[in-house]
Amino acid sequence: MRDASGIGLADIEERARALGGTAVCGPYHEGWRVFVSIPKTDDDAAASATTKENV
């Protein structure tokens, strides 16, 4: 029996979009490609957001 708790391609694409990025999944040459691009965040902004959440 296969474990159904993994992440499918639709989930990868959805998570990438939620982070402002993109995901391209599909056949590529003789194999398969999963390419995900997520914008880099500003460390100061991320630290500020984390601090606000923890207050």
N, C-alpha and C. Protein backbone atom coordinates (compact mmCIF):
# COMPACT_ATOMS: atom_id res chain seq x y z
N MET A 1 0.85 -1.19 0.00
CA MET A 1 0.00 0.00 0.00
C MET A 1 0.89 1.24 0.00
N ARG A 2 0.50 2.23 -0.77
CA ARG A 2 1.27 3.46 -0.91
C ARG A 2 0.87 4.49 0.14
N ASP A 3 1.85 5.22 0.67
CA ASP A 3 1.60 6.26 1.67
C ASP A 3 0.99 7.49 0.97
N ALA A 4 -0.18 7.90 1.39
CA ALA A 4 -0.88 9.02 0.76
C ALA A 4 -0.56 10.36 1.41
N SER A 5 0.42 10.43 2.31
CA SER A 5 0.70 11.67 3.01
C SER A 5 1.73 12.54 2.30
N GLY A 6 2.19 12.16 1.12
CA GLY A 6 3.20 12.93 0.39
C GLY A 6 2.62 14.17 -0.25
N ILE A 7 3.49 14.94 -0.85
CA ILE A 7 3.10 16.16 -1.54
C ILE A 7 3.01 15.85 -3.02
N GLY A 8 1.87 16.10 -3.62
CA GLY A 8 1.70 15.91 -5.05
C GLY A 8 2.13 17.14 -5.82
N LEU A 9 2.17 17.02 -7.14
CA LEU A 9 2.59 18.14 -7.98
C LEU A 9 1.67 19.34 -7.82
N ALA A 10 0.38 19.11 -7.69
CA ALA A 10 -0.56 20.22 -7.50
C ALA A 10 -0.26 20.95 -6.19
N ASP A 11 0.10 20.22 -5.16
CA ASP A 11 0.44 20.84 -3.88
C ASP A 11 1.71 21.67 -4.00
N ILE A 12 2.70 21.16 -4.73
CA ILE A 12 3.95 21.91 -4.93
C ILE A 12 3.64 23.23 -5.64
N GLU A 13 2.83 23.17 -6.71
CA GLU A 13 2.48 24.38 -7.46
C GLU A 13 1.70 25.36 -6.59
N GLU A 14 0.77 24.85 -5.79
CA GLU A 14 -0.04 25.70 -4.92
C GLU A 14 0.83 26.39 -3.86
N ARG A 15 1.74 25.65 -3.27
CA ARG A 15 2.63 26.22 -2.24
C ARG A 15 3.55 27.28 -2.84
N ALA A 16 4.05 27.02 -4.05
CA ALA A 16 4.92 28.00 -4.71
C ALA A 16 4.15 29.29 -4.97
N ARG A 17 2.93 29.19 -5.49
CA ARG A 17 2.09 30.38 -5.75
C ARG A 17 1.80 31.13 -4.46
N ALA A 18 1.55 30.42 -3.37
CA ALA A 18 1.25 31.06 -2.09
C ALA A 18 2.42 31.90 -1.59
N LEU A 19 3.62 31.53 -2.01
CA LEU A 19 4.82 32.28 -1.61
C LEU A 19 5.24 33.30 -2.67
N GLY A 20 4.38 33.53 -3.66
CA GLY A 20 4.68 34.50 -4.72
C GLY A 20 5.60 33.95 -5.80
N GLY A 21 5.72 32.64 -5.87
CA GLY A 21 6.62 32.02 -6.84
C GLY A 21 5.88 31.24 -7.90
N THR A 22 6.65 30.43 -8.62
CA THR A 22 6.09 29.60 -9.68
C THR A 22 6.67 28.21 -9.58
N ALA A 23 5.97 27.26 -10.19
CA ALA A 23 6.45 25.88 -10.27
C ALA A 23 6.11 25.34 -11.65
N VAL A 24 7.09 24.69 -12.27
CA VAL A 24 6.89 24.03 -13.56
C VAL A 24 7.21 22.57 -13.36
N CYS A 25 6.23 21.71 -13.58
CA CYS A 25 6.41 20.27 -13.37
C CYS A 25 5.95 19.55 -14.63
N GLY A 26 6.78 18.64 -15.11
CA GLY A 26 6.36 17.86 -16.27
C GLY A 26 7.50 17.17 -16.95
N PRO A 27 7.19 16.45 -18.03
CA PRO A 27 8.21 15.72 -18.78
C PRO A 27 9.27 16.68 -19.32
N TYR A 28 10.51 16.22 -19.33
CA TYR A 28 11.61 17.04 -19.79
C TYR A 28 12.68 16.13 -20.38
N HIS A 29 12.91 16.24 -21.66
CA HIS A 29 13.83 15.36 -22.39
C HIS A 29 13.48 13.90 -22.11
N GLU A 30 14.39 13.15 -21.55
CA GLU A 30 14.16 11.72 -21.27
C GLU A 30 13.70 11.46 -19.84
N GLY A 31 13.41 12.52 -19.10
CA GLY A 31 13.04 12.34 -17.70
C GLY A 31 11.88 13.24 -17.30
N TRP A 32 11.98 13.76 -16.11
CA TRP A 32 10.93 14.58 -15.51
C TRP A 32 11.57 15.77 -14.83
N ARG A 33 10.91 16.92 -14.86
CA ARG A 33 11.47 18.12 -14.24
C ARG A 33 10.48 18.71 -13.26
N VAL A 34 10.99 19.11 -12.10
CA VAL A 34 10.23 19.91 -11.14
C VAL A 34 11.11 21.13 -10.86
N PHE A 35 10.69 22.29 -11.35
CA PHE A 35 11.45 23.53 -11.18
C PHE A 35 10.59 24.50 -10.40
N VAL A 36 11.08 24.93 -9.25
CA VAL A 36 10.34 25.86 -8.38
C VAL A 36 11.18 27.11 -8.18
N SER A 37 10.55 28.25 -8.34
CA SER A 37 11.22 29.53 -8.13
C SER A 37 10.42 30.33 -7.10
N ILE A 38 11.08 30.69 -6.01
CA ILE A 38 10.46 31.45 -4.92
C ILE A 38 11.27 32.73 -4.73
N PRO A 39 10.61 33.90 -4.71
CA PRO A 39 11.36 35.14 -4.50
C PRO A 39 12.04 35.16 -3.13
N LYS A 40 13.23 35.67 -3.12
CA LYS A 40 13.97 35.82 -1.87
C LYS A 40 13.32 36.92 -1.05
N THR A 41 13.23 36.71 0.27
CA THR A 41 12.65 37.73 1.14
C THR A 41 13.76 38.53 1.82
N ASP A 42 13.43 39.72 2.23
CA ASP A 42 14.34 40.56 2.98
C ASP A 42 14.43 40.02 4.40
N ASP A 43 15.62 39.67 4.87
CA ASP A 43 15.78 39.09 6.20
C ASP A 43 15.26 40.00 7.30
N ASP A 44 15.43 41.33 7.16
CA ASP A 44 14.94 42.26 8.17
C ASP A 44 13.41 42.24 8.23
N ALA A 45 12.78 42.18 7.07
CA ALA A 45 11.32 42.14 7.04
C ALA A 45 10.80 40.85 7.64
N ALA A 46 11.48 39.73 7.33
CA ALA A 46 11.07 38.44 7.88
C ALA A 46 11.24 38.43 9.39
N ALA A 47 12.33 38.99 9.89
CA ALA A 47 12.56 39.04 11.33
C ALA A 47 11.52 39.91 12.01
N SER A 48 11.15 41.01 11.36
CA SER A 48 10.15 41.91 11.91
C SER A 48 8.79 41.22 11.97
N ALA A 49 8.44 40.50 10.92
CA ALA A 49 7.15 39.78 10.88
C ALA A 49 7.12 38.71 11.94
N THR A 50 8.22 38.00 12.10
CA THR A 50 8.28 36.94 13.12
C THR A 50 8.14 37.55 14.52
N THR A 51 8.80 38.67 14.76
CA THR A 51 8.72 39.32 16.07
C THR A 51 7.29 39.76 16.35
N LYS A 52 6.60 40.31 15.36
CA LYS A 52 5.22 40.77 15.55
C LYS A 52 4.30 39.61 15.86
N GLU A 53 4.54 38.45 15.23
CA GLU A 53 3.70 37.28 15.48
C GLU A 53 3.91 36.74 16.88
N ASN A 54 5.13 36.87 17.41
CA ASN A 54 5.44 36.30 18.72
C ASN A 54 5.06 37.19 19.89
N VAL A 55 4.62 38.40 19.61
CA VAL A 55 4.27 39.33 20.68
C VAL A 55 2.89 39.05 21.20
